[in-house]
Amino acid sequence: MKWLLVILIVLGFAWSVPAGRERIRDVLQPVGEQLEPVLNWALDPMRRAGARRELDFILRAIENERQMGRPFPNPATFHEWVGSSVDALNDGLDPWGQPYTLEVSRQTATVVSAGPDRTRGTADDVKASRSFGR
């Protein structure tokens, strides 16, 4: 266990020097590329849970807006609205780095994360809806 601590300290020191950082990056990049599918498989359930929490948070912000008599946010500029109006993580980007989108029909709002494949309209999308009756 001590050797792991020593390795981490040496890597941390080397990372603090720009030339060392480049060497470490060159060595670790192929390893990271090999591990990426495994890491994504392991992290995606946590990312999904985080996206669901954030979707609920965004829907509560929309509900507050509606209670103040304001209309639904504009779906075309929803990402900007989330970034400026909601105290959301990552300035309105989902855990996979994509902007949340808004779908509105009559009195229902659906906030959507594109999910792990980063493509909207696929089976892995994370969605949450709320009805806002008048």
C-alpha atoms as a PDB file:
ATOM      1  CA  MET A   1       0.000   0.000   0.000  1.00  0.00           C
ATOM      2  CA  LYS A   2       2.923   2.330   0.687  1.00  0.00           C
ATOM      3  CA  TRP A   3       4.204   1.866  -2.859  1.00  0.00           C
ATOM      4  CA  LEU A   4       0.888   3.110  -4.232  1.00  0.00           C
ATOM      5  CA  LEU A   5       1.178   6.274  -2.157  1.00  0.00           C
ATOM      6  CA  VAL A   6       4.755   6.794  -3.368  1.00  0.00           C
ATOM      7  CA  ILE A   7       3.674   6.323  -7.006  1.00  0.00           C
ATOM      8  CA  LEU A   8       0.822   8.817  -6.570  1.00  0.00           C
ATOM      9  CA  ILE A   9       3.160  11.392  -4.991  1.00  0.00           C
ATOM     10  CA  VAL A  10       5.707  10.984  -7.799  1.00  0.00           C
ATOM     11  CA  LEU A  11       2.975  11.253 -10.449  1.00  0.00           C
ATOM     12  CA  GLY A  12       1.555  14.322  -8.742  1.00  0.00           C
ATOM     13  CA  PHE A  13       4.955  15.985  -8.667  1.00  0.00           C
ATOM     14  CA  ALA A  14       5.654  15.081 -12.305  1.00  0.00           C
ATOM     15  CA  TRP A  15       2.213  16.387 -13.289  1.00  0.00           C
ATOM     16  CA  SER A  16       3.048  19.782 -11.771  1.00  0.00           C
ATOM     17  CA  VAL A  17       5.877  20.242 -14.310  1.00  0.00           C
ATOM     18  CA  PRO A  18       4.638  20.953 -17.886  1.00  0.00           C
ATOM     19  CA  ALA A  19       7.207  18.647 -19.537  1.00  0.00           C
ATOM     20  CA  GLY A  20       6.362  15.875 -17.062  1.00  0.00           C
ATOM     21  CA  ARG A  21       2.657  16.389 -17.687  1.00  0.00           C
ATOM     22  CA  GLU A  22       3.154  15.840 -21.433  1.00  0.00           C
ATOM     23  CA  ARG A  23       5.124  12.638 -20.870  1.00  0.00           C
ATOM     24  CA  ILE A  24       2.580  11.259 -18.416  1.00  0.00           C
ATOM     25  CA  ARG A  25      -0.272  12.139 -20.773  1.00  0.00           C
ATOM     26  CA  ASP A  26       1.481  10.385 -23.680  1.00  0.00           C
ATOM     27  CA  VAL A  27       1.959   7.239 -21.593  1.00  0.00           C
ATOM     28  CA  LEU A  28      -1.487   7.194 -20.002  1.00  0.00           C
ATOM     29  CA  GLN A  29      -3.564   8.145 -23.052  1.00  0.00           C
ATOM     30  CA  PRO A  30      -3.499   4.638 -24.631  1.00  0.00           C
ATOM     31  CA  VAL A  31      -4.329   3.123 -21.244  1.00  0.00           C
ATOM     32  CA  GLY A  32      -7.227   5.567 -20.834  1.00  0.00           C
ATOM     33  CA  GLU A  33      -8.546   4.733 -24.290  1.00  0.00           C
ATOM     34  CA  GLN A  34      -8.522   1.029 -23.408  1.00  0.00           C
ATOM     35  CA  LEU A  35     -10.228   1.633 -20.062  1.00  0.00           C
ATOM     36  CA  GLU A  36     -12.833   4.120 -21.339  1.00  0.00           C
ATOM     37  CA  PRO A  37     -15.530   1.524 -22.188  1.00  0.00           C
ATOM     38  CA  VAL A  38     -15.129  -0.149 -18.798  1.00  0.00           C
ATOM     39  CA  LEU A  39     -15.160   3.175 -16.946  1.00  0.00           C
ATOM     40  CA  ASN A  40     -18.232   4.341 -18.863  1.00  0.00           C
ATOM     41  CA  TRP A  41     -19.998   1.066 -18.100  1.00  0.00           C
ATOM     42  CA  ALA A  42     -19.204   1.517 -14.409  1.00  0.00           C
ATOM     43  CA  LEU A  43     -19.978   5.258 -14.225  1.00  0.00           C
ATOM     44  CA  ASP A  44     -23.093   5.471 -16.409  1.00  0.00           C
ATOM     45  CA  PRO A  45     -25.503   4.280 -13.673  1.00  0.00           C
ATOM     46  CA  MET A  46     -24.239   7.086 -11.411  1.00  0.00           C
ATOM     47  CA  ARG A  47     -24.436   9.570 -14.274  1.00  0.00           C
ATOM     48  CA  ARG A  48     -28.018   8.455 -14.990  1.00  0.00           C
ATOM     49  CA  ALA A  49     -28.987   8.977 -11.354  1.00  0.00           C
ATOM     50  CA  GLY A  50     -27.358  12.414 -11.405  1.00  0.00           C
ATOM     51  CA  ALA A  51     -29.209  13.311 -14.601  1.00  0.00           C
ATOM     52  CA  ARG A  52     -32.535  12.257 -13.039  1.00  0.00           C
ATOM     53  CA  ARG A  53     -31.875  14.426  -9.979  1.00  0.00           C
ATOM     54  CA  GLU A  54     -30.965  17.376 -12.168  1.00  0.00           C
ATOM     55  CA  LEU A  55     -34.028  16.871 -14.387  1.00  0.00           C
ATOM     56  CA  ASP A  56     -36.238  17.049 -11.291  1.00  0.00           C
ATOM     57  CA  PHE A  57     -34.393  20.176 -10.151  1.00  0.00           C
ATOM     58  CA  ILE A  58     -34.894  21.840 -13.552  1.00  0.00           C
ATOM     59  CA  LEU A  59     -38.585  20.900 -13.583  1.00  0.00           C
ATOM     60  CA  ARG A  60     -38.990  22.489 -10.137  1.00  0.00           C
ATOM     61  CA  ALA A  61     -37.434  25.680 -11.522  1.00  0.00           C
ATOM     62  CA  ILE A  62     -39.893  25.597 -14.434  1.00  0.00           C
ATOM     63  CA  GLU A  63     -42.719  25.070 -11.934  1.00  0.00           C
ATOM     64  CA  ASN A  64     -41.572  28.151  -9.993  1.00  0.00           C
ATOM     65  CA  GLU A  65     -41.577  30.167 -13.220  1.00  0.00           C
ATOM     66  CA  ARG A  66     -45.092  28.972 -14.054  1.00  0.00           C
ATOM     67  CA  GLN A  67     -46.347  29.855 -10.544  1.00  0.00           C
ATOM     68  CA  MET A  68     -45.090  33.396 -11.133  1.00  0.00           C
ATOM     69  CA  GLY A  69     -47.200  33.540 -14.303  1.00  0.00           C
ATOM     70  CA  ARG A  70     -44.322  33.153 -16.730  1.00  0.00           C
ATOM     71  CA  PRO A  71     -44.542  30.950 -19.833  1.00  0.00           C
ATOM     72  CA  PHE A  72     -42.502  27.817 -20.407  1.00  0.00           C
ATOM     73  CA  PRO A  73     -38.900  28.538 -21.373  1.00  0.00           C
ATOM     74  CA  ASN A  74     -38.267  28.643 -25.102  1.00  0.00           C
ATOM     75  CA  PRO A  75     -37.131  25.157 -26.243  1.00  0.00           C
ATOM     76  CA  ALA A  76     -34.796  26.748 -28.815  1.00  0.00           C
ATOM     77  CA  THR A  77     -32.873  28.610 -26.109  1.00  0.00           C
ATOM     78  CA  PHE A  78     -33.484  26.184 -23.231  1.00  0.00           C
ATOM     79  CA  HIS A  79     -29.796  25.452 -22.671  1.00  0.00           C
ATOM     80  CA  GLU A  80     -29.119  29.152 -22.118  1.00  0.00           C
ATOM     81  CA  TRP A  81     -32.157  29.434 -19.839  1.00  0.00           C
ATOM     82  CA  VAL A  82     -30.943  26.546 -17.696  1.00  0.00           C
ATOM     83  CA  GLY A  83     -27.444  28.040 -17.532  1.00  0.00           C
ATOM     84  CA  SER A  84     -28.702  31.465 -16.454  1.00  0.00           C
ATOM     85  CA  SER A  85     -31.906  30.735 -14.508  1.00  0.00           C
ATOM     86  CA  VAL A  86     -31.297  27.444 -12.757  1.00  0.00           C
ATOM     87  CA  ASP A  87     -28.572  26.712 -10.238  1.00  0.00           C
ATOM     88  CA  ALA A  88     -27.771  23.537 -12.170  1.00  0.00           C
ATOM     89  CA  LEU A  89     -24.517  21.654 -12.323  1.00  0.00           C
ATOM     90  CA  ASN A  90     -22.307  22.072 -15.395  1.00  0.00           C
ATOM     91  CA  ASP A  91     -24.203  25.116 -16.729  1.00  0.00           C
ATOM     92  CA  GLY A  92     -27.109  23.071 -18.022  1.00  0.00           C
ATOM     93  CA  LEU A  93     -25.110  20.233 -19.528  1.00  0.00           C
ATOM     94  CA  ASP A  94     -25.994  16.661 -18.691  1.00  0.00           C
ATOM     95  CA  PRO A  95     -23.407  14.274 -17.173  1.00  0.00           C
ATOM     96  CA  TRP A  96     -22.297  13.316 -20.706  1.00  0.00           C
ATOM     97  CA  GLY A  97     -21.610  16.941 -21.671  1.00  0.00           C
ATOM     98  CA  GLN A  98     -24.708  17.493 -23.821  1.00  0.00           C
ATOM     99  CA  PRO A  99     -27.255  20.275 -23.285  1.00  0.00           C
ATOM    100  CA  TYR A 100     -30.570  19.385 -21.700  1.00  0.00           C
ATOM    101  CA  THR A 101     -33.490  19.931 -24.046  1.00  0.00           C
ATOM    102  CA  LEU A 102     -37.106  20.876 -23.437  1.00  0.00           C
ATOM    103  CA  GLU A 103     -40.193  19.444 -25.079  1.00  0.00           C
ATOM    104  CA  VAL A 104     -43.471  21.261 -24.407  1.00  0.00           C
ATOM    105  CA  SER A 105     -46.987  20.109 -25.275  1.00  0.00           C
ATOM    106  CA  ARG A 106     -49.972  22.043 -23.968  1.00  0.00           C
ATOM    107  CA  GLN A 107     -49.427  22.082 -20.198  1.00  0.00           C
ATOM    108  CA  THR A 108     -46.702  19.414 -19.996  1.00  0.00           C
ATOM    109  CA  ALA A 109     -42.968  19.987 -19.953  1.00  0.00           C
ATOM    110  CA  THR A 110     -40.465  17.210 -20.569  1.00  0.00           C
ATOM    111  CA  VAL A 111     -36.774  17.797 -19.922  1.00  0.00           C
ATOM    112  CA  VAL A 112     -34.475  15.399 -21.752  1.00  0.00           C
ATOM    113  CA  SER A 113     -30.872  14.280 -21.415  1.00  0.00           C
ATOM    114  CA  ALA A 114     -29.446  12.593 -24.514  1.00  0.00           C
ATOM    115  CA  GLY A 115     -27.940   9.884 -22.289  1.00  0.00           C
ATOM    116  CA  PRO A 116     -24.722   7.901 -22.684  1.00  0.00           C
ATOM    117  CA  ASP A 117     -24.811   7.763 -26.491  1.00  0.00           C
ATOM    118  CA  ARG A 118     -25.107  11.585 -26.601  1.00  0.00           C
ATOM    119  CA  THR A 119     -27.845  11.311 -29.258  1.00  0.00           C
ATOM    120  CA  ARG A 120     -31.355  12.612 -28.632  1.00  0.00           C
ATOM    121  CA  GLY A 121     -34.317  10.404 -29.428  1.00  0.00           C
ATOM    122  CA  THR A 122     -32.705   7.058 -28.648  1.00  0.00           C
ATOM    123  CA  ALA A 123     -33.593   4.399 -26.093  1.00  0.00           C
ATOM    124  CA  ASP A 124     -30.974   5.505 -23.567  1.00  0.00           C
ATOM    125  CA  ASP A 125     -32.331   9.057 -23.190  1.00  0.00           C
ATOM    126  CA  VAL A 126     -33.138  10.145 -19.640  1.00  0.00           C
ATOM    127  CA  LYS A 127     -36.447  12.032 -19.424  1.00  0.00           C
ATOM    128  CA  ALA A 128     -38.648  13.590 -16.779  1.00  0.00           C
ATOM    129  CA  SER A 129     -42.051  15.195 -17.324  1.00  0.00           C
ATOM    130  CA  ARG A 130     -44.390  17.309 -15.292  1.00  0.00           C
ATOM    131  CA  SER A 131     -47.909  18.571 -16.001  1.00  0.00           C
ATOM    132  CA  PHE A 132     -48.690  22.192 -15.233  1.00  0.00           C
ATOM    133  CA  GLY A 133     -52.468  22.509 -15.341  1.00  0.00           C
ATOM    134  CA  ARG A 134     -54.001  25.951 -15.253  1.00  0.00           C
END
